[in-house]
C-alpha atoms as a PDB file:
ATOM      1  CA  MET A   1     -23.061  -8.496  -5.695  1.00  0.00           C
ATOM      2  CA  GLU A   2     -21.687 -11.897  -5.878  1.00  0.00           C
ATOM      3  CA  TYR A   3     -18.425 -10.899  -4.754  1.00  0.00           C
ATOM      4  CA  LYS A   4     -16.389  -8.618  -2.200  1.00  0.00           C
ATOM      5  CA  ILE A   5     -12.946  -7.385  -2.082  1.00  0.00           C
ATOM      6  CA  ILE A   6     -11.374  -6.551   1.270  1.00  0.00           C
ATOM      7  CA  VAL A   7      -8.300  -4.782   1.541  1.00  0.00           C
ATOM      8  CA  ASP A   8      -6.546  -3.866   4.887  1.00  0.00           C
ATOM      9  CA  SER A   9      -6.154   0.023   5.922  1.00  0.00           C
ATOM     10  CA  CYS A  10      -2.762   0.499   4.511  1.00  0.00           C
ATOM     11  CA  GLY A  11      -4.487   0.499   1.028  1.00  0.00           C
ATOM     12  CA  GLU A  12      -5.651   3.590  -0.049  1.00  0.00           C
ATOM     13  CA  PHE A  13      -9.420   3.522  -1.379  1.00  0.00           C
ATOM     14  CA  THR A  14     -10.264   5.959  -4.370  1.00  0.00           C
ATOM     15  CA  GLU A  15     -13.664   8.194  -3.797  1.00  0.00           C
ATOM     16  CA  ASP A  16     -15.450   5.585  -6.464  1.00  0.00           C
ATOM     17  CA  MET A  17     -13.995   2.833  -4.317  1.00  0.00           C
ATOM     18  CA  LYS A  18     -15.628   4.419  -1.075  1.00  0.00           C
ATOM     19  CA  LYS A  19     -18.864   4.385  -2.635  1.00  0.00           C
ATOM     20  CA  SER A  20     -18.921   0.840  -4.353  1.00  0.00           C
ATOM     21  CA  GLU A  21     -20.444  -1.897  -2.110  1.00  0.00           C
ATOM     22  CA  VAL A  22     -17.841  -3.981  -3.537  1.00  0.00           C
ATOM     23  CA  PHE A  23     -15.052  -2.924  -1.377  1.00  0.00           C
ATOM     24  CA  GLN A  24     -14.298  -2.973   2.161  1.00  0.00           C
ATOM     25  CA  SER A  25     -11.412  -1.817   4.162  1.00  0.00           C
ATOM     26  CA  ILE A  26      -9.986  -3.629   7.529  1.00  0.00           C
ATOM     27  CA  PRO A  27      -8.505  -1.221   9.851  1.00  0.00           C
ATOM     28  CA  LEU A  28      -4.738  -1.607  10.934  1.00  0.00           C
ATOM     29  CA  TYR A  29      -4.193   0.112  14.362  1.00  0.00           C
ATOM     30  CA  ILE A  30      -1.384   2.973  15.530  1.00  0.00           C
ATOM     31  CA  MET A  31       0.087   3.043  18.780  1.00  0.00           C
ATOM     32  CA  ILE A  32       1.544   6.337  20.241  1.00  0.00           C
ATOM     33  CA  GLU A  33       1.603   8.135  23.577  1.00  0.00           C
ATOM     34  CA  GLY A  34      -0.598   5.631  25.257  1.00  0.00           C
ATOM     35  CA  LEU A  35      -3.341   6.221  22.561  1.00  0.00           C
ATOM     36  CA  GLN A  36      -4.496   3.407  20.253  1.00  0.00           C
ATOM     37  CA  MET A  37      -5.597   5.213  16.770  1.00  0.00           C
ATOM     38  CA  VAL A  38      -7.707   3.102  14.364  1.00  0.00           C
ATOM     39  CA  ASP A  39      -6.853   3.348  10.637  1.00  0.00           C
ATOM     40  CA  ASP A  40     -10.602   3.933   9.542  1.00  0.00           C
ATOM     41  CA  GLU A  41     -12.368   6.584   8.026  1.00  0.00           C
ATOM     42  CA  LYS A  42     -12.243   8.641  11.046  1.00  0.00           C
ATOM     43  CA  PHE A  43      -8.657   8.749  11.208  1.00  0.00           C
ATOM     44  CA  ASP A  44      -7.293  12.060  11.597  1.00  0.00           C
ATOM     45  CA  ARG A  45      -3.796  12.156   9.666  1.00  0.00           C
ATOM     46  CA  ASP A  46      -3.057  16.123  10.948  1.00  0.00           C
ATOM     47  CA  GLU A  47      -3.359  15.088  14.312  1.00  0.00           C
ATOM     48  CA  PHE A  48      -1.482  12.112  14.284  1.00  0.00           C
ATOM     49  CA  LEU A  49       1.203  13.794  12.499  1.00  0.00           C
ATOM     50  CA  LYS A  50       1.092  16.582  15.117  1.00  0.00           C
ATOM     51  CA  ILE A  51       1.502  13.965  18.048  1.00  0.00           C
ATOM     52  CA  ALA A  52       4.102  11.890  16.200  1.00  0.00           C
ATOM     53  CA  SER A  53       6.209  15.102  15.567  1.00  0.00           C
ATOM     54  CA  SER A  54       5.883  15.929  19.118  1.00  0.00           C
ATOM     55  CA  SER A  55       6.808  12.840  20.879  1.00  0.00           C
ATOM     56  CA  LYS A  56      10.013  11.084  21.625  1.00  0.00           C
ATOM     57  CA  GLU A  57       8.097   7.959  21.201  1.00  0.00           C
ATOM     58  CA  CYS A  58       8.124   5.693  17.827  1.00  0.00           C
ATOM     59  CA  PRO A  59       4.718   5.055  16.794  1.00  0.00           C
ATOM     60  CA  ARG A  60       3.632   1.284  16.172  1.00  0.00           C
ATOM     61  CA  SER A  61       1.479  -0.874  14.069  1.00  0.00           C
ATOM     62  CA  ALA A  62      -0.699  -3.762  14.963  1.00  0.00           C
ATOM     63  CA  CYS A  63      -2.500  -5.770  12.226  1.00  0.00           C
ATOM     64  CA  PRO A  64      -5.916  -6.849  12.197  1.00  0.00           C
ATOM     65  CA  SER A  65      -6.918  -9.705  14.059  1.00  0.00           C
ATOM     66  CA  PRO A  66      -8.316 -12.950  12.328  1.00  0.00           C
ATOM     67  CA  GLU A  67     -11.573 -12.351  13.800  1.00  0.00           C
ATOM     68  CA  GLN A  68     -11.772  -9.183  12.254  1.00  0.00           C
ATOM     69  CA  TYR A  69     -11.204 -10.878   8.797  1.00  0.00           C
ATOM     70  CA  LEU A  70     -13.734 -13.584   9.845  1.00  0.00           C
ATOM     71  CA  GLU A  71     -16.284 -11.036  10.348  1.00  0.00           C
ATOM     72  CA  ALA A  72     -15.742  -9.196   7.117  1.00  0.00           C
ATOM     73  CA  PHE A  73     -16.269 -12.894   5.384  1.00  0.00           C
ATOM     74  CA  LYS A  74     -19.773 -13.012   6.385  1.00  0.00           C
ATOM     75  CA  GLY A  75     -22.496 -11.954   4.305  1.00  0.00           C
ATOM     76  CA  GLU A  76     -24.204 -13.080   1.200  1.00  0.00           C
ATOM     77  CA  GLN A  77     -21.026 -12.926  -1.256  1.00  0.00           C
ATOM     78  CA  LYS A  78     -19.707 -16.196  -2.615  1.00  0.00           C
ATOM     79  CA  ARG A  79     -16.383 -15.016  -3.560  1.00  0.00           C
ATOM     80  CA  ILE A  80     -14.146 -13.274  -1.424  1.00  0.00           C
ATOM     81  CA  TYR A  81     -10.800 -11.759  -2.186  1.00  0.00           C
ATOM     82  CA  VAL A  82      -8.688 -10.207   0.472  1.00  0.00           C
ATOM     83  CA  VAL A  83      -5.529  -7.836  -0.141  1.00  0.00           C
ATOM     84  CA  THR A  84      -2.904  -7.463   2.421  1.00  0.00           C
ATOM     85  CA  LEU A  85       0.084  -5.420   2.538  1.00  0.00           C
ATOM     86  CA  SER A  86       3.327  -7.364   2.071  1.00  0.00           C
ATOM     87  CA  GLY A  87       3.365 -10.670   4.606  1.00  0.00           C
ATOM     88  CA  ASN A  88       7.302  -9.461   5.086  1.00  0.00           C
ATOM     89  CA  LEU A  89       5.849  -6.207   6.747  1.00  0.00           C
ATOM     90  CA  SER A  90       3.106  -7.148   8.727  1.00  0.00           C
ATOM     91  CA  GLY A  91       0.889  -9.999  10.500  1.00  0.00           C
ATOM     92  CA  SER A  92      -2.117  -8.771   8.147  1.00  0.00           C
ATOM     93  CA  PHE A  93      -1.468 -11.528   5.623  1.00  0.00           C
ATOM     94  CA  ASN A  94      -1.250 -14.390   8.477  1.00  0.00           C
ATOM     95  CA  SER A  95      -4.469 -12.953  10.362  1.00  0.00           C
ATOM     96  CA  ALA A  96      -6.587 -12.965   6.805  1.00  0.00           C
ATOM     97  CA  THR A  97      -5.179 -16.362   5.809  1.00  0.00           C
ATOM     98  CA  LEU A  98      -6.060 -17.738   9.441  1.00  0.00           C
ATOM     99  CA  ALA A  99      -9.619 -16.307   9.361  1.00  0.00           C
ATOM    100  CA  LYS A 100      -9.998 -17.976   5.463  1.00  0.00           C
ATOM    101  CA  GLN A 101      -8.949 -21.348   6.914  1.00  0.00           C
ATOM    102  CA  MET A 102     -11.630 -20.743  10.297  1.00  0.00           C
ATOM    103  CA  MET A 103     -14.465 -19.873   7.651  1.00  0.00           C
ATOM    104  CA  GLU A 104     -13.983 -22.731   5.141  1.00  0.00           C
ATOM    105  CA  GLU A 105     -14.393 -25.213   7.788  1.00  0.00           C
ATOM    106  CA  ASP A 106     -18.288 -25.013   7.733  1.00  0.00           C
ATOM    107  CA  SER A 107     -18.774 -22.530   4.765  1.00  0.00           C
ATOM    108  CA  ASP A 108     -18.772 -23.205   0.611  1.00  0.00           C
ATOM    109  CA  LYS A 109     -17.561 -19.441   0.479  1.00  0.00           C
ATOM    110  CA  GLU A 110     -14.363 -19.380  -2.244  1.00  0.00           C
ATOM    111  CA  ILE A 111     -12.008 -16.905  -0.351  1.00  0.00           C
ATOM    112  CA  TYR A 112      -8.837 -16.127  -1.566  1.00  0.00           C
ATOM    113  CA  VAL A 113      -5.848 -13.664   0.095  1.00  0.00           C
ATOM    114  CA  PHE A 114      -3.517 -11.925  -1.732  1.00  0.00           C
ATOM    115  CA  ASP A 115       0.000 -11.299  -0.575  1.00  0.00           C
ATOM    116  CA  SER A 116       0.376  -7.742  -2.015  1.00  0.00           C
ATOM    117  CA  ARG A 117       4.253  -7.704  -1.620  1.00  0.00           C
ATOM    118  CA  SER A 118       3.758  -4.236  -1.352  1.00  0.00           C
ATOM    119  CA  ALA A 119       1.716  -1.635   0.470  1.00  0.00           C
ATOM    120  CA  SER A 120      -0.416   1.780   0.338  1.00  0.00           C
ATOM    121  CA  VAL A 121      -1.376   2.406  -3.581  1.00  0.00           C
ATOM    122  CA  GLY A 122       0.102  -1.257  -4.480  1.00  0.00           C
ATOM    123  CA  GLU A 123      -2.797  -2.657  -2.917  1.00  0.00           C
ATOM    124  CA  THR A 124      -5.414  -0.019  -4.283  1.00  0.00           C
ATOM    125  CA  LEU A 125      -3.910  -1.457  -7.771  1.00  0.00           C
ATOM    126  CA  ILE A 126      -4.515  -4.705  -6.970  1.00  0.00           C
ATOM    127  CA  ALA A 127      -7.941  -4.214  -5.763  1.00  0.00           C
ATOM    128  CA  LEU A 128      -8.952  -2.431  -8.750  1.00  0.00           C
ATOM    129  CA  LYS A 129      -7.421  -5.034 -11.284  1.00  0.00           C
ATOM    130  CA  ILE A 130      -9.532  -7.952  -9.170  1.00  0.00           C
ATOM    131  CA  LYS A 131     -12.762  -5.651  -9.752  1.00  0.00           C
ATOM    132  CA  GLU A 132     -11.797  -5.428 -13.471  1.00  0.00           C
ATOM    133  CA  CYS A 133     -11.041  -9.182 -13.901  1.00  0.00           C
ATOM    134  CA  GLU A 134     -14.562 -10.114 -11.859  1.00  0.00           C
ATOM    135  CA  ASP A 135     -16.584  -7.342 -14.324  1.00  0.00           C
ATOM    136  CA  LYS A 136     -15.017  -9.434 -17.451  1.00  0.00           C
ATOM    137  CA  GLY A 137     -16.677 -12.369 -16.242  1.00  0.00           C
ATOM    138  CA  LEU A 138     -13.832 -14.297 -15.324  1.00  0.00           C
ATOM    139  CA  SER A 139     -13.914 -17.291 -13.175  1.00  0.00           C
ATOM    140  CA  PHE A 140     -12.847 -17.504  -9.462  1.00  0.00           C
ATOM    141  CA  ALA A 141      -9.546 -19.235 -10.544  1.00  0.00           C
ATOM    142  CA  GLU A 142      -8.994 -17.084 -13.596  1.00  0.00           C
ATOM    143  CA  VAL A 143      -8.964 -13.882 -11.329  1.00  0.00           C
ATOM    144  CA  ILE A 144      -6.439 -15.215  -9.112  1.00  0.00           C
ATOM    145  CA  TYR A 145      -4.180 -16.420 -11.878  1.00  0.00           C
ATOM    146  CA  GLU A 146      -4.451 -12.834 -13.647  1.00  0.00           C
ATOM    147  CA  VAL A 147      -3.792 -11.072 -10.392  1.00  0.00           C
ATOM    148  CA  GLU A 148      -1.257 -13.157  -8.921  1.00  0.00           C
ATOM    149  CA  LYS A 149       0.320 -12.223 -12.546  1.00  0.00           C
ATOM    150  CA  TYR A 150      -0.197  -8.627 -12.351  1.00  0.00           C
ATOM    151  CA  ILE A 151       1.177  -8.374  -8.493  1.00  0.00           C
ATOM    152  CA  GLU A 152       4.800 -10.313  -9.969  1.00  0.00           C
ATOM    153  CA  SER A 153       4.979  -7.519 -12.609  1.00  0.00           C
ATOM    154  CA  GLN A 154       4.163  -4.684 -10.102  1.00  0.00           C
ATOM    155  CA  ASN A 155       7.150  -1.956  -8.802  1.00  0.00           C
ATOM    156  CA  THR A 156       6.791   0.018  -6.003  1.00  0.00           C
ATOM    157  CA  PHE A 157       9.062   2.899  -5.451  1.00  0.00           C
ATOM    158  CA  PHE A 158       9.259   5.694  -2.612  1.00  0.00           C
ATOM    159  CA  VAL A 159      11.024   8.429  -1.173  1.00  0.00           C
ATOM    160  CA  LEU A 160      10.736   9.700   2.284  1.00  0.00           C
ATOM    161  CA  GLU A 161      11.788  12.560   4.244  1.00  0.00           C
ATOM    162  CA  ASP A 162      12.291  10.710   7.223  1.00  0.00           C
ATOM    163  CA  LEU A 163      13.226   7.067   7.832  1.00  0.00           C
ATOM    164  CA  GLU A 164      13.161   6.717  11.385  1.00  0.00           C
ATOM    165  CA  THR A 165       9.972   5.337  11.768  1.00  0.00           C
ATOM    166  CA  LEU A 166      10.620   2.498   9.071  1.00  0.00           C
ATOM    167  CA  ARG A 167      13.859   1.943  10.954  1.00  0.00           C
ATOM    168  CA  LYS A 168      12.723   1.719  14.549  1.00  0.00           C
ATOM    169  CA  ASN A 169      10.010  -0.813  13.762  1.00  0.00           C
ATOM    170  CA  GLY A 170      12.486  -3.028  12.227  1.00  0.00           C
ATOM    171  CA  ARG A 171      11.403  -2.922   8.367  1.00  0.00           C
ATOM    172  CA  LEU A 172      14.646  -1.980   7.289  1.00  0.00           C
ATOM    173  CA  SER A 173      16.631  -4.723   8.823  1.00  0.00           C
ATOM    174  CA  GLY A 174      18.907  -6.650   6.578  1.00  0.00           C
ATOM    175  CA  MET A 175      19.211  -3.354   4.356  1.00  0.00           C
ATOM    176  CA  LYS A 176      22.616  -1.265   4.817  1.00  0.00           C
ATOM    177  CA  MET A 177      21.103   2.455   5.114  1.00  0.00           C
ATOM    178  CA  LEU A 178      23.099   5.638   4.229  1.00  0.00           C
ATOM    179  CA  VAL A 179      23.307   7.851   7.136  1.00  0.00           C
ATOM    180  CA  ALA A 180      24.312  11.123   5.498  1.00  0.00           C
ATOM    181  CA  SER A 181      21.441  13.216   7.187  1.00  0.00           C
ATOM    182  CA  ALA A 182      23.722  16.341   7.242  1.00  0.00           C
ATOM    183  CA  LEU A 183      24.320  16.128   3.451  1.00  0.00           C
ATOM    184  CA  HIS A 184      20.676  15.973   2.920  1.00  0.00           C
ATOM    185  CA  ILE A 185      21.320  12.167   1.135  1.00  0.00           C
ATOM    186  CA  LYS A 186      18.055  10.682   0.372  1.00  0.00           C
ATOM    187  CA  PRO A 187      17.479   7.151  -0.502  1.00  0.00           C
ATOM    188  CA  ILE A 188      15.377   5.891  -3.061  1.00  0.00           C
ATOM    189  CA  LEU A 189      13.909   2.752  -2.090  1.00  0.00           C
ATOM    190  CA  GLY A 190      11.662  -0.096  -3.641  1.00  0.00           C
ATOM    191  CA  ALA A 191       9.851  -3.498  -2.857  1.00  0.00           C
ATOM    192  CA  THR A 192      11.877  -6.575  -3.508  1.00  0.00           C
ATOM    193  CA  PRO A 193       9.865  -9.426  -5.564  1.00  0.00           C
ATOM    194  CA  GLU A 194       9.644 -11.013  -2.004  1.00  0.00           C
ATOM    195  CA  GLY A 195       7.844  -7.818  -0.257  1.00  0.00           C
ATOM    196  CA  THR A 196      10.931  -6.315   1.643  1.00  0.00           C
ATOM    197  CA  ILE A 197      12.230  -3.189   1.203  1.00  0.00           C
ATOM    198  CA  GLN A 198      15.444  -2.268  -0.873  1.00  0.00           C
ATOM    199  CA  GLN A 199      17.533   0.613  -1.543  1.00  0.00           C
ATOM    200  CA  ILE A 200      17.373   1.502  -5.203  1.00  0.00           C
ATOM    201  CA  GLY A 201      19.673   4.578  -5.262  1.00  0.00           C
ATOM    202  CA  THR A 202      20.396   7.857  -3.467  1.00  0.00           C
ATOM    203  CA  ALA A 203      20.195  11.626  -4.329  1.00  0.00           C
ATOM    204  CA  ARG A 204      21.277  15.010  -2.520  1.00  0.00           C
ATOM    205  CA  GLY A 205      17.999  16.666  -1.553  1.00  0.00           C
ATOM    206  CA  MET A 206      14.334  15.663  -2.288  1.00  0.00           C
ATOM    207  CA  LYS A 207      14.013  17.406  -5.632  1.00  0.00           C
ATOM    208  CA  LYS A 208      16.955  15.264  -7.055  1.00  0.00           C
ATOM    209  CA  ALA A 209      15.624  12.243  -5.260  1.00  0.00           C
ATOM    210  CA  ILE A 210      12.244  12.744  -6.745  1.00  0.00           C
ATOM    211  CA  LYS A 211      13.807  12.890 -10.444  1.00  0.00           C
ATOM    212  CA  VAL A 212      15.660   9.509  -9.491  1.00  0.00           C
ATOM    213  CA  LEU A 213      12.505   7.949  -8.739  1.00  0.00           C
ATOM    214  CA  VAL A 214      10.844   8.892 -11.647  1.00  0.00           C
ATOM    215  CA  ASP A 215      13.800   7.615 -13.881  1.00  0.00           C
ATOM    216  CA  GLU A 216      13.299   4.399 -11.973  1.00  0.00           C
ATOM    217  CA  VAL A 217       9.860   4.269 -12.418  1.00  0.00           C
ATOM    218  CA  VAL A 218      10.258   4.915 -16.495  1.00  0.00           C
ATOM    219  CA  LYS A 219      12.841   2.265 -16.701  1.00  0.00           C
ATOM    220  CA  ALA A 220      10.557  -0.296 -14.975  1.00  0.00           C
ATOM    221  CA  VAL A 221       7.557   0.224 -17.047  1.00  0.00           C
ATOM    222  CA  LYS A 222       6.605  -2.083 -19.752  1.00  0.00           C
ATOM    223  CA  ASN A 223       3.739  -1.355 -22.168  1.00  0.00           C
ATOM    224  CA  PRO A 224       2.852   1.967 -20.116  1.00  0.00           C
ATOM    225  CA  GLU A 225      -0.450   2.376 -22.137  1.00  0.00           C
ATOM    226  CA  GLU A 226      -1.898  -0.311 -20.611  1.00  0.00           C
ATOM    227  CA  LYS A 227      -0.958   0.519 -16.809  1.00  0.00           C
ATOM    228  CA  ILE A 228      -2.423   2.472 -14.244  1.00  0.00           C
ATOM    229  CA  LEU A 229      -0.055   4.288 -11.736  1.00  0.00           C
ATOM    230  CA  ALA A 230      -0.883   5.506  -8.786  1.00  0.00           C
ATOM    231  CA  ILE A 231       0.961   8.143  -6.180  1.00  0.00           C
ATOM    232  CA  ALA A 232       0.636   7.910  -2.831  1.00  0.00           C
ATOM    233  CA  ASN A 233       1.159  11.530  -0.922  1.00  0.00           C
ATOM    234  CA  CYS A 234       1.822  12.270   2.987  1.00  0.00           C
ATOM    235  CA  ASN A 235       0.714  16.290   3.104  1.00  0.00           C
ATOM    236  CA  SER A 236       2.947  16.429  -0.070  1.00  0.00           C
ATOM    237  CA  ARG A 237      -0.082  17.088  -2.731  1.00  0.00           C
ATOM    238  CA  LYS A 238       2.483  19.278  -4.922  1.00  0.00           C
ATOM    239  CA  ARG A 239       5.013  17.187  -5.130  1.00  0.00           C
ATOM    240  CA  ALA A 240       3.051  14.337  -6.270  1.00  0.00           C
ATOM    241  CA  GLU A 241       1.355  16.745  -8.998  1.00  0.00           C
ATOM    242  CA  ASP A 242       4.954  17.454 -10.160  1.00  0.00           C
ATOM    243  CA  VAL A 243       5.785  13.654 -10.325  1.00  0.00           C
ATOM    244  CA  LYS A 244       2.981  12.954 -12.275  1.00  0.00           C
ATOM    245  CA  ASN A 245       3.728  15.534 -14.570  1.00  0.00           C
ATOM    246  CA  MET A 246       7.314  14.302 -15.137  1.00  0.00           C
ATOM    247  CA  LEU A 247       5.850  10.829 -16.003  1.00  0.00           C
ATOM    248  CA  LEU A 248       3.691  12.177 -17.976  1.00  0.00           C
ATOM    249  CA  ALA A 249       6.161  13.751 -19.836  1.00  0.00           C
ATOM    250  CA  GLN A 250       7.988  10.388 -20.718  1.00  0.00           C
ATOM    251  CA  LEU A 251       5.154   7.793 -20.287  1.00  0.00           C
ATOM    252  CA  ASN A 252       1.898   6.883 -22.048  1.00  0.00           C
ATOM    253  CA  LEU A 253       0.222   5.780 -19.329  1.00  0.00           C
ATOM    254  CA  LYS A 254      -3.746   4.606 -19.111  1.00  0.00           C
ATOM    255  CA  ASP A 255      -4.121   6.677 -16.090  1.00  0.00           C
ATOM    256  CA  ILE A 256      -2.522   7.940 -13.023  1.00  0.00           C
ATOM    257  CA  LEU A 257      -4.368   8.335  -9.663  1.00  0.00           C
ATOM    258  CA  ILE A 258      -2.986  10.429  -6.677  1.00  0.00           C
ATOM    259  CA  LEU A 259      -4.193   9.534  -3.645  1.00  0.00           C
ATOM    260  CA  ASP A 260      -3.523  10.987   0.149  1.00  0.00           C
ATOM    261  CA  THR A 261      -1.779   8.266   2.675  1.00  0.00           C
ATOM    262  CA  SER A 262      -3.843   6.323   4.996  1.00  0.00           C
ATOM    263  CA  GLY A 263      -3.067   6.084   8.786  1.00  0.00           C
ATOM    264  CA  ILE A 264      -0.688   3.320   8.122  1.00  0.00           C
ATOM    265  CA  SER A 265       0.758   4.513   4.961  1.00  0.00           C
ATOM    266  CA  THR A 266       1.236   8.110   6.873  1.00  0.00           C
ATOM    267  CA  MET A 267       2.759   6.388   9.926  1.00  0.00           C
ATOM    268  CA  TYR A 268       5.384   4.763   7.852  1.00  0.00           C
ATOM    269  CA  ALA A 269       5.450   7.808   5.118  1.00  0.00           C
ATOM    270  CA  SER A 270       5.560  10.435   7.363  1.00  0.00           C
ATOM    271  CA  GLU A 271       5.113  13.888   6.362  1.00  0.00           C
ATOM    272  CA  GLY A 272       6.318  14.639   2.691  1.00  0.00           C
ATOM    273  CA  GLY A 273       6.294  11.355   1.820  1.00  0.00           C
ATOM    274  CA  ILE A 274       5.969   9.725  -1.796  1.00  0.00           C
ATOM    275  CA  ILE A 275       5.030   6.316  -2.675  1.00  0.00           C
ATOM    276  CA  VAL A 276       4.497   5.461  -6.585  1.00  0.00           C
ATOM    277  CA  VAL A 277       3.274   2.161  -7.685  1.00  0.00           C
ATOM    278  CA  VAL A 278       2.714   0.848 -11.236  1.00  0.00           C
END
């Protein structure tokens, strides 16, 4: 292969991506109860959720080091693309950028780091877009142009059962959150163009929140027949299937992917969380 696509582990891989030599995942880390859990193929989501549910401690995440990215840049590939979760939510983008600068000092490789300005399946779809562009035979500069344009058009929405991990890790700073758990009020959240989190709406109860989320997705999608939509779920497969069916009833999409959340996405989405990106 002449190229490689590196994605930090907040981005989930489809089964085909896991089998492909094109894609490589760089793990982030989760710390809880004195444990450091690596977000890789050995990550046990059920074990983590069990520990998190019984712990009084809020789990914390740590981004990959520049050295991890630097190691991943080695190899025969001449063109390397990196996709990280939003630079406004993690240091992963900065680590990858530093590694790029270090590699370029004594290498003729072409390396580009994409700030997804999203997370989870947002990164998945960006990685797939890069491969699509490469498969079309586009030049390195053309791939960058097309993918950055795609990132600009991408929309991220999510509804979570529990916002505490996001809040305690400072990911909701600057946003006025509606605190009404006793009334079962659920905020519908999304990504800003800068890759921070914003509140889009509210609904009473998860069922109504999911409907609002679907309505927001339908409003946001332009030219649906050209779009691949992805849904990440945290132990909520049926809910994800319901979202898929609700969307298919209103949109003629090119495809819909349903994936289980990775370790980092699980940490922030918590049990029952749903993330939709298109």
